[in-house]
Protein backbone atom coordinates (compact mmCIF):
# COMPACT_ATOMS: atom_id res chain seq x y z
CA MET A 1 13.59 -8.54 1.41
CA PRO A 2 12.16 -8.87 -2.09
CA VAL A 3 11.90 -6.19 -4.72
CA LEU A 4 8.21 -5.01 -4.38
CA TYR A 5 6.06 -4.31 -7.46
CA LYS A 6 2.59 -3.39 -8.28
CA PRO A 7 0.34 -3.32 -11.44
CA PHE A 8 0.40 -0.17 -13.54
CA GLN A 9 -1.88 0.54 -16.43
CA SER A 10 -0.37 2.34 -19.40
CA THR A 11 -1.98 5.51 -20.51
CA LEU A 12 -1.19 4.36 -24.23
CA GLU A 13 -3.00 1.79 -26.16
CA ASP A 14 -1.33 -1.33 -27.37
CA LYS A 15 -1.00 -1.26 -31.22
CA LYS A 16 -2.28 -4.74 -31.70
CA SER A 17 -5.13 -5.12 -29.10
CA LYS A 18 -6.07 -1.48 -28.86
CA LYS A 19 -6.33 -1.93 -25.16
CA LYS A 20 -4.48 -0.11 -22.32
CA LEU A 21 -2.39 -2.87 -20.97
CA PHE A 22 -0.97 -3.41 -17.39
CA TYR A 23 2.71 -3.70 -16.54
CA PRO A 24 4.61 -4.30 -13.36
CA ARG A 25 6.10 -1.22 -11.66
CA VAL A 26 8.65 -1.22 -8.83
CA VAL A 27 7.47 0.23 -5.43
CA ARG A 28 10.05 2.02 -3.60
CA SER A 29 9.84 1.46 0.12
CA GLY A 30 12.42 4.17 1.09
CA ASN A 31 15.67 5.86 0.31
CA VAL A 32 19.11 5.21 1.53
CA ASP A 33 21.38 8.33 1.74
CA SER A 34 25.12 8.76 1.76
CA ALA A 35 25.21 8.94 5.60
CA GLN A 36 23.50 5.47 5.92
CA LEU A 37 25.66 3.96 3.03
CA SER A 38 28.77 5.27 4.89
CA LYS A 39 27.76 3.56 8.11
CA GLU A 40 27.06 0.29 6.38
CA ILE A 41 30.16 0.29 4.17
CA ALA A 42 32.23 1.12 7.34
CA ALA A 43 30.98 -2.02 8.93
CA TYR A 44 32.66 -4.04 6.12
CA SER A 45 36.02 -2.20 6.31
CA SER A 46 38.62 -0.70 8.62
CA LEU A 47 37.51 2.79 7.69
CA SER A 48 35.38 5.07 9.87
CA PRO A 49 31.81 6.22 8.70
CA GLY A 50 33.33 9.68 8.26
CA ASP A 51 36.21 8.31 6.08
CA VAL A 52 33.68 6.52 3.89
CA LYS A 53 31.39 9.50 3.60
CA ASN A 54 34.42 11.54 2.46
CA THR A 55 35.37 9.10 -0.07
CA LEU A 56 31.71 8.90 -1.47
CA ASP A 57 31.66 12.70 -1.71
CA ASN A 58 35.04 12.79 -3.45
CA LEU A 59 33.90 9.90 -5.79
CA VAL A 60 30.92 12.17 -6.89
CA THR A 61 33.29 15.17 -7.47
CA VAL A 62 35.82 13.21 -9.47
CA MET A 63 33.04 11.38 -11.60
CA ALA A 64 31.60 14.70 -12.45
CA GLN A 65 34.76 16.05 -13.63
CA HIS A 66 35.44 13.02 -15.82
CA LEU A 67 31.75 13.00 -17.05
CA GLN A 68 32.02 16.70 -18.00
CA SER A 69 35.22 16.01 -19.98
CA SER A 70 33.24 13.57 -22.17
CA GLU A 71 34.72 10.37 -20.61
CA SER A 72 32.58 7.63 -19.34
CA VAL A 73 33.27 6.26 -15.77
CA SER A 74 33.24 2.56 -15.02
CA VAL A 75 33.10 1.39 -11.37
CA ASP A 76 33.92 -2.45 -11.20
CA GLY A 77 31.08 -4.41 -10.00
CA LEU A 78 28.65 -1.48 -10.30
CA GLY A 79 28.46 -0.30 -13.87
CA THR A 80 29.28 2.53 -16.27
CA PHE A 81 28.26 6.10 -16.22
CA ARG A 82 28.22 8.31 -19.33
CA MET A 83 26.95 11.68 -20.46
CA VAL A 84 24.33 11.81 -23.05
CA MET A 85 22.41 14.51 -24.84
CA VAL A 86 18.59 14.18 -25.20
CA ALA A 87 16.95 16.38 -27.96
CA ARG A 88 13.48 15.28 -27.46
CA GLY A 89 12.35 15.82 -31.12
CA LYS A 90 14.14 19.15 -31.43
CA GLY A 91 15.85 18.28 -34.78
CA VAL A 92 17.07 20.65 -37.32
CA GLU A 93 17.37 20.42 -41.01
CA THR A 94 21.19 20.80 -41.51
CA SER A 95 24.28 19.80 -39.60
CA ASP A 96 25.44 23.36 -39.56
CA GLU A 97 22.36 24.19 -37.38
CA VAL A 98 23.03 21.61 -34.66
CA SER A 99 23.87 23.21 -31.28
CA ALA A 100 23.89 22.07 -27.66
CA ALA A 101 20.76 24.33 -27.05
CA GLN A 102 18.64 21.74 -28.75
CA ALA A 103 19.23 19.08 -26.07
CA THR A 104 19.60 18.65 -22.30
CA LEU A 105 22.53 16.79 -20.76
CA THR A 106 21.86 13.77 -18.57
CA VAL A 107 23.82 10.91 -17.14
CA ARG A 108 23.03 7.32 -18.14
CA PHE A 109 23.94 4.44 -16.14
CA GLN A 110 24.57 0.93 -17.46
CA PRO A 111 24.96 -1.79 -14.75
CA ALA A 112 27.92 -4.07 -14.86
CA THR A 113 27.39 -7.39 -16.57
CA THR A 114 28.72 -10.89 -16.12
CA LYS A 115 28.80 -13.85 -18.69
CA LYS A 116 28.95 -17.57 -18.32
CA LEU A 117 32.22 -19.13 -19.45
CA ASP A 118 30.44 -20.12 -22.78
CA ARG A 119 29.54 -16.35 -23.17
CA THR A 120 25.84 -17.09 -23.74
CA LEU A 121 24.21 -15.50 -20.80
CA ALA A 122 24.75 -12.00 -19.48
CA THR A 123 23.36 -10.94 -16.09
CA ARG A 124 23.18 -7.47 -14.55
CA SER A 125 25.18 -6.57 -11.38
CA MET A 126 22.95 -6.02 -8.39
CA VAL A 127 19.89 -7.66 -10.20
CA THR A 128 21.04 -11.32 -10.13
CA GLY A 129 19.44 -13.30 -7.47
CA ALA A 130 16.79 -10.65 -6.63
CA LYS A 131 13.44 -12.03 -5.80
CA CYS A 132 10.20 -10.10 -6.49
CA ALA A 133 6.93 -9.94 -4.56
CA ARG A 134 3.67 -8.18 -5.60
CA TYR A 135 3.02 -5.41 -3.11
CA ASP A 136 -0.74 -5.41 -3.16
CA LYS A 137 -0.85 -9.11 -2.46
CA LEU A 138 1.76 -8.96 0.14
CA VAL A 139 0.07 -6.14 2.20
CA SER A 140 -3.51 -7.78 1.88
CA THR A 141 -2.23 -11.19 3.20
CA SER A 142 -0.21 -9.60 6.04
CA GLY A 143 -2.92 -7.29 7.26
CA ASN A 144 -0.63 -4.28 7.26
CA GLU A 145 -1.83 -1.61 4.91
CA GLY A 146 0.92 0.90 5.84
CA GLY A 147 4.39 1.53 4.52
CA GLY A 148 5.64 1.41 1.01
CA ASN A 149 5.93 4.51 -1.07
CA SER A 150 4.55 4.12 -4.54
CA GLY A 151 7.59 4.77 -6.79
CA GLY A 152 8.34 4.76 -10.42
CA ASP A 153 7.98 7.37 -13.04
CA ASN A 154 4.50 8.31 -14.23
CA GLN A 155 5.37 7.28 -17.69
CA PRO A 156 4.76 4.09 -19.51
CA GLY A 157 7.78 1.71 -19.09
CA GLY A 158 8.93 3.75 -16.16
CA GLY A 159 9.09 0.90 -13.72
CA GLY A 160 10.11 -2.67 -14.28
CA ASP A 161 10.77 -5.95 -12.44
CA ALA A 162 14.04 -7.47 -11.46
CA GLY A 163 14.20 -9.32 -14.81
CA GLY A 164 14.38 -6.28 -16.94
CA GLU A 165 12.53 -3.16 -18.03
CA THR A 166 8.79 -2.83 -18.60
CA PRO A 167 7.99 -3.22 -22.26
CA ASP A 168 7.21 0.07 -23.99
CA PRO A 169 3.51 0.00 -24.96
CA ALA A 170 4.06 2.49 -27.68
CA ALA A 171 6.62 0.15 -29.40
């Protein structure tokens, strides 16, 4: 199944053309929870779905402990998680005034990357080999107007295609 996308018009004007431009945005067709992941992972291993679910639950607990200790967490083949503070324009004039109350904590994820032997090309884990299909063209040709949950953030650059992120129209 391909990664589905649809056109999204930014609410911000492009600096050069002064027009509101369109960008691709991923359409999410559903959500897979831990129980489903556990069943599918168990099919690849000698573990039961319950054993896998317990492991996933413990992974979340242990990752949270490390992240809350200012450590990053790298999972081979998946990527790296790290804690960041986002101040959203709440700066202060002196370093003595800086406090955690200015920001909110959030977790950032950086997918694992691989490089060719000549170190010239980096690819993102889980994205390499993905195919894309335009959702509105796909449903109009198949005659099936149902399904598909329009996903993505309601912010410019919130979506993206498999090749990378949507350009930020404000940039």
